[in-house]
Amino acid sequence: MERGHLVETGEAESLCAAPKEAYTRQLLAATPELSFTELRNTLGMTDGNVTTHIRTLQETGGNRTRAARVLGISLRCLQYKLKAYAEAGIEAPAQPNRASEPEHLLGV
């Protein structure tokens, strides 16, 4: 958008890969490239945070709701962090399979 007018539309990935308009190219050229370390720090993915989140998930048996409660963050926040970790190649414990939990825990 330039001066309140839409300049170019499309999927973000294709716009960044091959912008058609000069203004879009200028905007992209002005955007600093982040190194992986800078990106991790921007996302709050310091080694201490990642370790704490993963360890808490392990201690709660992969239960994200309980882990979020223990960490003092919202479930949605934890889910966003885990998604970012996964995209960075960091594996988190799998969620428990609800079907394998005892029926009395499921309220059946």
N, C-alpha and C. Protein backbone atom coordinates (compact mmCIF):
# COMPACT_ATOMS: atom_id res chain seq x y z
N MET A 1 0.84 -1.16 0.00
CA MET A 1 0.00 0.00 0.00
C MET A 1 0.89 1.23 0.00
N GLU A 2 0.62 2.12 -0.90
CA GLU A 2 1.39 3.36 -1.01
C GLU A 2 0.42 4.53 -0.99
N ARG A 3 0.60 5.42 -0.01
CA ARG A 3 -0.26 6.60 0.13
C ARG A 3 -1.75 6.23 0.13
N GLY A 4 -2.08 5.13 0.82
CA GLY A 4 -3.47 4.73 0.96
C GLY A 4 -4.04 3.96 -0.22
N HIS A 5 -3.23 3.66 -1.21
CA HIS A 5 -3.70 2.91 -2.39
C HIS A 5 -3.01 1.56 -2.46
N LEU A 6 -3.79 0.54 -2.77
CA LEU A 6 -3.26 -0.81 -2.90
C LEU A 6 -2.38 -0.88 -4.15
N VAL A 7 -1.14 -1.31 -3.96
CA VAL A 7 -0.18 -1.35 -5.05
C VAL A 7 -0.12 -2.74 -5.70
N GLU A 8 -0.11 -3.77 -4.86
CA GLU A 8 0.07 -5.12 -5.38
C GLU A 8 -0.60 -6.11 -4.43
N THR A 9 -1.22 -7.13 -4.98
CA THR A 9 -1.86 -8.16 -4.15
C THR A 9 -1.38 -9.54 -4.58
N GLY A 10 -1.57 -10.49 -3.70
CA GLY A 10 -1.19 -11.86 -4.00
C GLY A 10 -0.75 -12.58 -2.74
N GLU A 11 -0.32 -13.81 -2.89
CA GLU A 11 0.20 -14.59 -1.77
C GLU A 11 1.52 -13.96 -1.32
N ALA A 12 1.71 -13.90 0.00
CA ALA A 12 2.91 -13.27 0.55
C ALA A 12 4.19 -13.88 0.00
N GLU A 13 4.22 -15.21 -0.08
CA GLU A 13 5.42 -15.90 -0.55
C GLU A 13 5.77 -15.51 -1.99
N SER A 14 4.76 -15.45 -2.86
CA SER A 14 5.02 -15.11 -4.26
C SER A 14 5.37 -13.63 -4.41
N LEU A 15 4.73 -12.77 -3.59
CA LEU A 15 5.07 -11.34 -3.65
C LEU A 15 6.51 -11.10 -3.23
N CYS A 16 6.94 -11.79 -2.20
CA CYS A 16 8.32 -11.62 -1.73
C CYS A 16 9.32 -12.20 -2.71
N ALA A 17 8.96 -13.30 -3.35
CA ALA A 17 9.87 -13.96 -4.29
C ALA A 17 10.01 -13.20 -5.60
N ALA A 18 8.90 -12.63 -6.09
CA ALA A 18 8.94 -11.96 -7.39
C ALA A 18 7.96 -10.78 -7.42
N PRO A 19 8.29 -9.68 -6.72
CA PRO A 19 7.40 -8.52 -6.74
C PRO A 19 7.35 -7.89 -8.14
N LYS A 20 6.16 -7.48 -8.56
CA LYS A 20 5.99 -6.90 -9.90
C LYS A 20 6.14 -5.39 -9.89
N GLU A 21 5.77 -4.78 -8.79
CA GLU A 21 5.78 -3.31 -8.72
C GLU A 21 7.07 -2.79 -8.09
N ALA A 22 7.54 -1.65 -8.59
CA ALA A 22 8.77 -1.04 -8.09
C ALA A 22 8.66 -0.70 -6.60
N TYR A 23 7.50 -0.22 -6.18
CA TYR A 23 7.31 0.16 -4.78
C TYR A 23 7.46 -1.06 -3.87
N THR A 24 6.91 -2.19 -4.28
CA THR A 24 7.03 -3.43 -3.49
C THR A 24 8.49 -3.85 -3.41
N ARG A 25 9.21 -3.74 -4.51
CA ARG A 25 10.64 -4.08 -4.50
C ARG A 25 11.41 -3.17 -3.56
N GLN A 26 11.07 -1.88 -3.54
CA GLN A 26 11.74 -0.93 -2.64
C GLN A 26 11.47 -1.29 -1.17
N LEU A 27 10.23 -1.65 -0.86
CA LEU A 27 9.89 -2.03 0.51
C LEU A 27 10.67 -3.27 0.95
N LEU A 28 10.72 -4.25 0.07
CA LEU A 28 11.44 -5.48 0.40
C LEU A 28 12.94 -5.23 0.55
N ALA A 29 13.49 -4.35 -0.25
CA ALA A 29 14.92 -4.04 -0.17
C ALA A 29 15.24 -3.32 1.14
N ALA A 30 14.27 -2.59 1.69
CA ALA A 30 14.48 -1.84 2.92
C ALA A 30 14.32 -2.69 4.17
N THR A 31 13.81 -3.90 4.01
CA THR A 31 13.59 -4.80 5.15
C THR A 31 14.86 -5.55 5.46
N PRO A 32 15.37 -5.43 6.71
CA PRO A 32 16.61 -6.14 7.04
C PRO A 32 16.38 -7.64 7.08
N GLU A 33 17.38 -8.38 6.64
CA GLU A 33 17.33 -9.85 6.72
C GLU A 33 17.79 -10.24 8.12
N LEU A 34 17.06 -11.14 8.74
CA LEU A 34 17.42 -11.61 10.07
C LEU A 34 18.15 -12.94 9.97
N SER A 35 19.21 -13.06 10.76
CA SER A 35 19.88 -14.35 10.84
C SER A 35 18.99 -15.28 11.65
N PHE A 36 19.29 -16.57 11.62
CA PHE A 36 18.50 -17.54 12.37
C PHE A 36 18.51 -17.20 13.86
N THR A 37 19.67 -16.80 14.39
CA THR A 37 19.77 -16.44 15.81
C THR A 37 18.92 -15.23 16.13
N GLU A 38 18.95 -14.21 15.26
CA GLU A 38 18.12 -13.03 15.48
C GLU A 38 16.64 -13.37 15.41
N LEU A 39 16.29 -14.23 14.48
CA LEU A 39 14.89 -14.66 14.35
C LEU A 39 14.45 -15.41 15.60
N ARG A 40 15.29 -16.32 16.09
CA ARG A 40 14.97 -17.06 17.32
C ARG A 40 14.76 -16.10 18.48
N ASN A 41 15.64 -15.11 18.62
CA ASN A 41 15.52 -14.16 19.72
C ASN A 41 14.27 -13.29 19.56
N THR A 42 13.94 -12.93 18.34
CA THR A 42 12.74 -12.14 18.08
C THR A 42 11.50 -12.92 18.48
N LEU A 43 11.49 -14.21 18.24
CA LEU A 43 10.35 -15.06 18.58
C LEU A 43 10.38 -15.50 20.05
N GLY A 44 11.37 -15.06 20.81
CA GLY A 44 11.47 -15.49 22.20
C GLY A 44 11.96 -16.91 22.32
N MET A 45 12.73 -17.35 21.34
CA MET A 45 13.20 -18.73 21.32
C MET A 45 14.63 -18.84 21.84
N THR A 46 14.89 -18.19 22.98
CA THR A 46 16.21 -18.35 23.56
C THR A 46 16.34 -19.78 24.05
N ASP A 47 17.55 -20.26 24.16
CA ASP A 47 17.77 -21.64 24.57
C ASP A 47 17.09 -21.95 25.90
N GLY A 48 17.13 -20.98 26.83
CA GLY A 48 16.50 -21.19 28.14
C GLY A 48 14.99 -21.35 28.02
N ASN A 49 14.34 -20.52 27.20
CA ASN A 49 12.89 -20.62 27.02
C ASN A 49 12.51 -21.94 26.38
N VAL A 50 13.22 -22.31 25.33
CA VAL A 50 12.91 -23.55 24.61
C VAL A 50 13.07 -24.72 25.57
N THR A 51 14.16 -24.77 26.29
CA THR A 51 14.41 -25.86 27.23
C THR A 51 13.32 -25.92 28.29
N THR A 52 12.94 -24.78 28.84
CA THR A 52 11.89 -24.74 29.87
C THR A 52 10.57 -25.24 29.31
N HIS A 53 10.20 -24.78 28.13
CA HIS A 53 8.92 -25.20 27.53
C HIS A 53 8.91 -26.70 27.24
N ILE A 54 9.98 -27.20 26.66
CA ILE A 54 10.05 -28.62 26.31
C ILE A 54 10.06 -29.47 27.58
N ARG A 55 10.85 -29.08 28.58
CA ARG A 55 10.93 -29.84 29.83
C ARG A 55 9.56 -29.87 30.52
N THR A 56 8.86 -28.74 30.53
CA THR A 56 7.54 -28.69 31.15
C THR A 56 6.56 -29.59 30.41
N LEU A 57 6.64 -29.61 29.09
CA LEU A 57 5.78 -30.52 28.31
C LEU A 57 6.09 -31.98 28.64
N GLN A 58 7.36 -32.30 28.79
CA GLN A 58 7.75 -33.67 29.14
C GLN A 58 7.20 -34.04 30.51
N GLU A 59 7.30 -33.10 31.45
CA GLU A 59 6.84 -33.36 32.82
C GLU A 59 5.32 -33.50 32.90
N THR A 60 4.60 -32.90 31.97
CA THR A 60 3.14 -33.00 31.97
C THR A 60 2.66 -34.08 30.99
N GLY A 61 3.57 -34.91 30.53
CA GLY A 61 3.20 -36.00 29.62
C GLY A 61 2.71 -35.50 28.27
N GLY A 62 3.17 -34.33 27.85
CA GLY A 62 2.76 -33.77 26.56
C GLY A 62 1.44 -33.02 26.61
N ASN A 63 0.85 -32.90 27.80
CA ASN A 63 -0.43 -32.20 27.94
C ASN A 63 -0.19 -30.70 27.85
N ARG A 64 -0.57 -30.11 26.73
CA ARG A 64 -0.30 -28.69 26.49
C ARG A 64 -1.08 -27.77 27.42
N THR A 65 -2.29 -28.13 27.77
CA THR A 65 -3.09 -27.29 28.67
C THR A 65 -2.43 -27.21 30.04
N ARG A 66 -2.02 -28.36 30.58
CA ARG A 66 -1.35 -28.36 31.88
C ARG A 66 -0.01 -27.66 31.81
N ALA A 67 0.73 -27.87 30.73
CA ALA A 67 2.04 -27.22 30.59
C ALA A 67 1.89 -25.70 30.56
N ALA A 68 0.91 -25.22 29.82
CA ALA A 68 0.68 -23.76 29.75
C ALA A 68 0.35 -23.21 31.13
N ARG A 69 -0.47 -23.94 31.88
CA ARG A 69 -0.85 -23.51 33.22
C ARG A 69 0.39 -23.44 34.11
N VAL A 70 1.25 -24.46 34.06
CA VAL A 70 2.48 -24.49 34.86
C VAL A 70 3.40 -23.34 34.47
N LEU A 71 3.49 -23.07 33.16
CA LEU A 71 4.37 -22.00 32.67
C LEU A 71 3.82 -20.60 32.92
N GLY A 72 2.51 -20.53 33.23
CA GLY A 72 1.89 -19.23 33.48
C GLY A 72 1.60 -18.46 32.20
N ILE A 73 1.39 -19.20 31.10
CA ILE A 73 1.06 -18.56 29.83
C ILE A 73 -0.24 -19.18 29.31
N SER A 74 -0.85 -18.54 28.34
CA SER A 74 -2.08 -19.08 27.78
C SER A 74 -1.76 -20.29 26.90
N LEU A 75 -2.75 -21.15 26.73
CA LEU A 75 -2.59 -22.31 25.85
C LEU A 75 -2.27 -21.85 24.44
N ARG A 76 -2.96 -20.82 23.98
CA ARG A 76 -2.73 -20.30 22.63
C ARG A 76 -1.29 -19.83 22.47
N CYS A 77 -0.76 -19.15 23.47
CA CYS A 77 0.63 -18.67 23.43
C CYS A 77 1.58 -19.86 23.31
N LEU A 78 1.33 -20.91 24.11
CA LEU A 78 2.19 -22.09 24.04
C LEU A 78 2.08 -22.76 22.67
N GLN A 79 0.87 -22.82 22.13
CA GLN A 79 0.69 -23.43 20.81
C GLN A 79 1.46 -22.65 19.74
N TYR A 80 1.43 -21.32 19.80
CA TYR A 80 2.18 -20.50 18.84
C TYR A 80 3.68 -20.75 18.98
N LYS A 81 4.15 -20.83 20.21
CA LYS A 81 5.57 -21.08 20.44
C LYS A 81 5.98 -22.46 19.89
N LEU A 82 5.15 -23.46 20.15
CA LEU A 82 5.47 -24.81 19.67
C LEU A 82 5.47 -24.87 18.15
N LYS A 83 4.57 -24.13 17.53
CA LYS A 83 4.54 -24.08 16.07
C LYS A 83 5.84 -23.45 15.55
N ALA A 84 6.27 -22.36 16.18
CA ALA A 84 7.52 -21.71 15.77
C ALA A 84 8.71 -22.64 16.00
N TYR A 85 8.69 -23.38 17.13
CA TYR A 85 9.77 -24.33 17.39
C TYR A 85 9.81 -25.39 16.30
N ALA A 86 8.64 -25.92 15.95
CA ALA A 86 8.56 -26.96 14.92
C ALA A 86 9.10 -26.45 13.60
N GLU A 87 8.76 -25.22 13.24
CA GLU A 87 9.24 -24.63 11.99
C GLU A 87 10.75 -24.43 12.02
N ALA A 88 11.31 -24.29 13.23
CA ALA A 88 12.76 -24.14 13.37
C ALA A 88 13.44 -25.50 13.54
N GLY A 89 12.66 -26.59 13.47
CA GLY A 89 13.23 -27.92 13.57
C GLY A 89 13.41 -28.43 14.98
N ILE A 90 12.75 -27.79 15.95
CA ILE A 90 12.83 -28.21 17.35
C ILE A 90 11.60 -29.04 17.67
N GLU A 91 11.81 -30.30 18.06
CA GLU A 91 10.69 -31.19 18.32
C GLU A 91 10.20 -31.07 19.76
N ALA A 92 8.88 -31.09 19.93
CA ALA A 92 8.26 -31.08 21.25
C ALA A 92 7.61 -32.44 21.48
N PRO A 93 7.42 -32.82 22.74
CA PRO A 93 6.75 -34.09 23.02
C PRO A 93 5.36 -34.13 22.39
N ALA A 94 4.97 -35.30 21.92
CA ALA A 94 3.65 -35.46 21.31
C ALA A 94 2.57 -35.34 22.36
N GLN A 95 1.40 -34.89 21.92
CA GLN A 95 0.26 -34.81 22.82
C GLN A 95 -0.21 -36.21 23.15
N PRO A 96 -0.72 -36.40 24.38
CA PRO A 96 -1.21 -37.73 24.72
C PRO A 96 -2.41 -38.10 23.86
N ASN A 97 -2.54 -39.39 23.60
CA ASN A 97 -3.67 -39.89 22.82
C ASN A 97 -4.84 -40.05 23.77
N ARG A 98 -5.87 -39.20 23.62
CA ARG A 98 -7.00 -39.22 24.53
C ARG A 98 -7.70 -40.58 24.53
N ALA A 99 -7.66 -41.28 23.42
CA ALA A 99 -8.34 -42.57 23.34
C ALA A 99 -7.68 -43.60 24.25
N SER A 100 -6.41 -43.41 24.56
CA SER A 100 -5.72 -44.38 25.39
C SER A 100 -5.80 -44.04 26.87
N GLU A 101 -6.40 -42.89 27.22
CA GLU A 101 -6.54 -42.53 28.63
C GLU A 101 -7.63 -43.36 29.27
N PRO A 102 -7.52 -43.65 30.56
CA PRO A 102 -8.56 -44.39 31.25
C PRO A 102 -9.91 -43.67 31.13
N GLU A 103 -10.95 -44.48 31.02
CA GLU A 103 -12.28 -43.91 30.79
C GLU A 103 -12.71 -42.97 31.91
N HIS A 104 -12.32 -43.26 33.17
CA HIS A 104 -12.77 -42.39 34.26
C HIS A 104 -12.19 -40.98 34.13
N LEU A 105 -11.05 -40.83 33.45
CA LEU A 105 -10.47 -39.51 33.23
C LEU A 105 -11.19 -38.75 32.12
N LEU A 106 -11.81 -39.49 31.23
CA LEU A 106 -12.52 -38.88 30.13
C LEU A 106 -13.99 -38.56 30.47
N GLY A 107 -14.42 -38.97 31.64
CA GLY A 107 -15.80 -38.72 32.04
C GLY A 107 -16.78 -39.63 31.36
N VAL A 108 -16.32 -40.81 30.93
CA VAL A 108 -17.18 -41.76 30.23
C VAL A 108 -17.85 -42.68 31.22
